[in-house]
C-alpha atoms as a PDB file:
ATOM      1  CA  UNK A   1     -94.644-124.010-150.895  1.00  0.00           C
ATOM      2  CA  UNK A   2     -92.544-127.020-151.754  1.00  0.00           C
ATOM      3  CA  UNK A   3     -91.183-129.507-149.264  1.00  0.00           C
ATOM      4  CA  UNK A   4     -88.423-131.881-150.322  1.00  0.00           C
ATOM      5  CA  UNK A   5     -87.839-134.859-148.054  1.00  0.00           C
ATOM      6  CA  UNK A   6     -84.882-137.191-148.163  1.00  0.00           C
ATOM      7  CA  UNK A   7     -82.915-139.667-146.109  1.00  0.00           C
ATOM      8  CA  UNK A   8     -85.007-142.810-146.115  1.00  0.00           C
ATOM      9  CA  UNK A   9     -83.573-146.213-146.811  1.00  0.00           C
ATOM     10  CA  UNK A  10     -82.990-149.707-145.532  1.00  0.00           C
ATOM     11  CA  UNK A  11     -81.707-149.979-141.957  1.00  0.00           C
ATOM     12  CA  UNK A  12     -81.082-152.961-139.733  1.00  0.00           C
ATOM     13  CA  UNK A  13     -82.963-153.276-136.452  1.00  0.00           C
ATOM     14  CA  UNK A  14     -81.248-151.206-133.790  1.00  0.00           C
ATOM     15  CA  UNK A  15     -79.830-148.856-136.362  1.00  0.00           C
ATOM     16  CA  UNK A  16     -80.188-145.124-136.836  1.00  0.00           C
ATOM     17  CA  UNK A  17     -81.072-142.799-139.651  1.00  0.00           C
ATOM     18  CA  UNK A  18     -81.651-139.099-140.174  1.00  0.00           C
ATOM     19  CA  UNK A  19     -84.404-137.747-142.360  1.00  0.00           C
ATOM     20  CA  UNK A  20     -84.301-134.232-143.793  1.00  0.00           C
ATOM     21  CA  UNK A  21     -86.915-131.993-145.295  1.00  0.00           C
ATOM     22  CA  UNK A  22     -86.206-128.655-146.896  1.00  0.00           C
ATOM     23  CA  UNK A  23     -88.899-126.087-147.543  1.00  0.00           C
ATOM     24  CA  UNK A  24     -88.933-123.505-150.296  1.00  0.00           C
ATOM     25  CA  UNK A  25     -89.482-120.796-147.693  1.00  0.00           C
ATOM     26  CA  UNK A  26     -89.604-120.221-143.961  1.00  0.00           C
ATOM     27  CA  UNK A  27     -92.568-121.842-142.260  1.00  0.00           C
ATOM     28  CA  UNK A  28     -93.825-121.658-138.697  1.00  0.00           C
ATOM     29  CA  UNK A  29     -94.249-125.354-138.005  1.00  0.00           C
ATOM     30  CA  UNK A  30     -92.403-128.211-139.650  1.00  0.00           C
ATOM     31  CA  UNK A  31     -92.776-131.839-138.815  1.00  0.00           C
ATOM     32  CA  UNK A  32     -93.222-135.429-139.787  1.00  0.00           C
ATOM     33  CA  UNK A  33     -96.006-137.942-140.143  1.00  0.00           C
ATOM     34  CA  UNK A  34     -95.518-141.573-140.955  1.00  0.00           C
ATOM     35  CA  UNK A  35     -97.684-144.217-142.546  1.00  0.00           C
ATOM     36  CA  UNK A  36     -96.922-147.857-141.982  1.00  0.00           C
ATOM     37  CA  UNK A  37     -98.239-150.458-144.434  1.00  0.00           C
ATOM     38  CA  UNK A  38    -101.936-150.970-143.889  1.00  0.00           C
ATOM     39  CA  UNK A  39    -102.167-148.277-141.227  1.00  0.00           C
ATOM     40  CA  UNK A  40    -103.337-144.713-141.010  1.00  0.00           C
ATOM     41  CA  UNK A  41    -100.944-141.843-141.249  1.00  0.00           C
ATOM     42  CA  UNK A  42     -99.877-140.682-137.792  1.00  0.00           C
ATOM     43  CA  UNK A  43     -98.089-137.635-136.468  1.00  0.00           C
ATOM     44  CA  UNK A  44     -94.532-138.347-135.360  1.00  0.00           C
ATOM     45  CA  UNK A  45     -93.211-134.966-134.270  1.00  0.00           C
ATOM     46  CA  UNK A  46     -93.299-131.267-135.024  1.00  0.00           C
ATOM     47  CA  UNK A  47     -91.207-128.226-134.219  1.00  0.00           C
ATOM     48  CA  UNK A  48     -91.922-124.533-134.378  1.00  0.00           C
ATOM     49  CA  UNK A  49     -89.571-121.903-135.729  1.00  0.00           C
ATOM     50  CA  UNK A  50     -88.858-121.018-132.109  1.00  0.00           C
ATOM     51  CA  UNK A  51     -87.801-124.554-131.306  1.00  0.00           C
ATOM     52  CA  UNK A  52     -90.821-125.802-129.402  1.00  0.00           C
ATOM     53  CA  UNK A  53     -91.229-129.495-130.044  1.00  0.00           C
ATOM     54  CA  UNK A  54     -94.026-132.013-129.772  1.00  0.00           C
ATOM     55  CA  UNK A  55     -93.740-135.775-130.075  1.00  0.00           C
ATOM     56  CA  UNK A  56     -96.174-138.613-130.174  1.00  0.00           C
ATOM     57  CA  UNK A  57     -95.561-140.058-126.714  1.00  0.00           C
ATOM     58  CA  UNK A  58     -94.471-143.507-127.756  1.00  0.00           C
ATOM     59  CA  UNK A  59     -91.748-142.178-130.048  1.00  0.00           C
ATOM     60  CA  UNK A  60     -90.142-139.449-127.981  1.00  0.00           C
ATOM     61  CA  UNK A  61     -87.482-141.695-126.470  1.00  0.00           C
ATOM     62  CA  UNK A  62     -86.132-142.813-129.841  1.00  0.00           C
ATOM     63  CA  UNK A  63     -86.817-139.980-132.285  1.00  0.00           C
ATOM     64  CA  UNK A  64     -85.496-136.423-132.144  1.00  0.00           C
ATOM     65  CA  UNK A  65     -86.731-133.536-134.253  1.00  0.00           C
ATOM     66  CA  UNK A  66     -84.672-130.444-134.924  1.00  0.00           C
ATOM     67  CA  UNK A  67     -84.523-127.677-137.487  1.00  0.00           C
ATOM     68  CA  UNK A  68     -82.157-125.223-139.082  1.00  0.00           C
ATOM     69  CA  UNK A  69     -84.143-122.086-139.761  1.00  0.00           C
ATOM     70  CA  UNK A  70     -81.411-120.603-141.914  1.00  0.00           C
ATOM     71  CA  UNK A  71     -81.751-123.583-144.253  1.00  0.00           C
ATOM     72  CA  UNK A  72     -85.549-123.955-143.908  1.00  0.00           C
ATOM     73  CA  UNK A  73     -84.816-127.559-143.055  1.00  0.00           C
ATOM     74  CA  UNK A  74     -86.240-129.926-140.470  1.00  0.00           C
ATOM     75  CA  UNK A  75     -84.517-133.110-139.399  1.00  0.00           C
ATOM     76  CA  UNK A  76     -85.762-136.260-137.757  1.00  0.00           C
ATOM     77  CA  UNK A  77     -83.136-138.394-136.083  1.00  0.00           C
ATOM     78  CA  UNK A  78     -84.338-141.961-135.708  1.00  0.00           C
ATOM     79  CA  UNK A  79     -82.549-144.303-133.331  1.00  0.00           C
ATOM     80  CA  UNK A  80     -83.016-147.823-131.987  1.00  0.00           C
ATOM     81  CA  UNK A  81     -85.090-148.606-135.033  1.00  0.00           C
ATOM     82  CA  UNK A  82     -87.490-151.521-134.980  1.00  0.00           C
ATOM     83  CA  UNK A  83     -89.126-153.421-137.837  1.00  0.00           C
ATOM     84  CA  UNK A  84     -92.426-151.845-136.829  1.00  0.00           C
ATOM     85  CA  UNK A  85     -90.941-148.437-137.651  1.00  0.00           C
ATOM     86  CA  UNK A  86     -91.070-149.404-141.324  1.00  0.00           C
ATOM     87  CA  UNK A  87     -93.164-146.714-142.940  1.00  0.00           C
ATOM     88  CA  UNK A  88     -93.271-143.890-145.408  1.00  0.00           C
ATOM     89  CA  UNK A  89     -92.350-140.689-143.601  1.00  0.00           C
ATOM     90  CA  UNK A  90     -94.019-137.515-144.819  1.00  0.00           C
ATOM     91  CA  UNK A  91     -92.732-134.061-144.121  1.00  0.00           C
ATOM     92  CA  UNK A  92     -95.322-131.370-143.485  1.00  0.00           C
ATOM     93  CA  UNK A  93     -95.454-127.728-142.598  1.00  0.00           C
ATOM     94  CA  UNK A  94     -97.789-124.970-141.552  1.00  0.00           C
ATOM     95  CA  UNK A  95     -97.462-121.245-141.958  1.00  0.00           C
ATOM     96  CA  UNK A  96     -98.662-118.847-139.266  1.00  0.00           C
ATOM     97  CA  UNK A  97    -102.114-118.834-140.830  1.00  0.00           C
ATOM     98  CA  UNK A  98    -102.112-122.609-140.201  1.00  0.00           C
ATOM     99  CA  UNK A  99    -102.288-123.466-143.895  1.00  0.00           C
ATOM    100  CA  UNK A 100    -101.113-127.040-144.269  1.00  0.00           C
ATOM    101  CA  UNK A 101     -98.510-128.301-146.730  1.00  0.00           C
ATOM    102  CA  UNK A 102     -97.394-131.851-147.445  1.00  0.00           C
ATOM    103  CA  UNK A 103     -94.076-132.941-148.814  1.00  0.00           C
ATOM    104  CA  UNK A 104     -93.507-136.159-150.652  1.00  0.00           C
ATOM    105  CA  UNK A 105     -92.739-139.243-148.634  1.00  0.00           C
ATOM    106  CA  UNK A 106     -89.444-140.877-147.965  1.00  0.00           C
ATOM    107  CA  UNK A 107     -89.503-144.574-147.262  1.00  0.00           C
ATOM    108  CA  UNK A 108     -87.890-146.274-144.291  1.00  0.00           C
ATOM    109  CA  UNK A 109     -87.517-150.024-144.146  1.00  0.00           C
ATOM    110  CA  UNK A 110     -86.183-151.613-140.987  1.00  0.00           C
ATOM    111  CA  UNK A 111     -85.153-155.161-141.681  1.00  0.00           C
ATOM    112  CA  UNK A 112     -82.278-157.546-141.248  1.00  0.00           C
END
């Protein structure tokens, strides 16, 4: 399984951005982790093929996860971005056997 993430970049505080991650095949769960400089990687959000979502509580009001099953693609819409959101965002996925797959990271920098 290959996961290709894209969409990172430099954004001003208060801005928005959408990350995308496309898988080489259909997977049950797709989602995102992030790793800020000097911090541990943390789960941001995940979504099942049926559309059930989960968010880390502190991020749910600003981040929205969605997916297009026909395109094997998951999206993460980021809004009201803060400098502390600066991180590398990693796409991940699980199949129904719960095997875990990482994609490469895409870097977000929030700065004026």
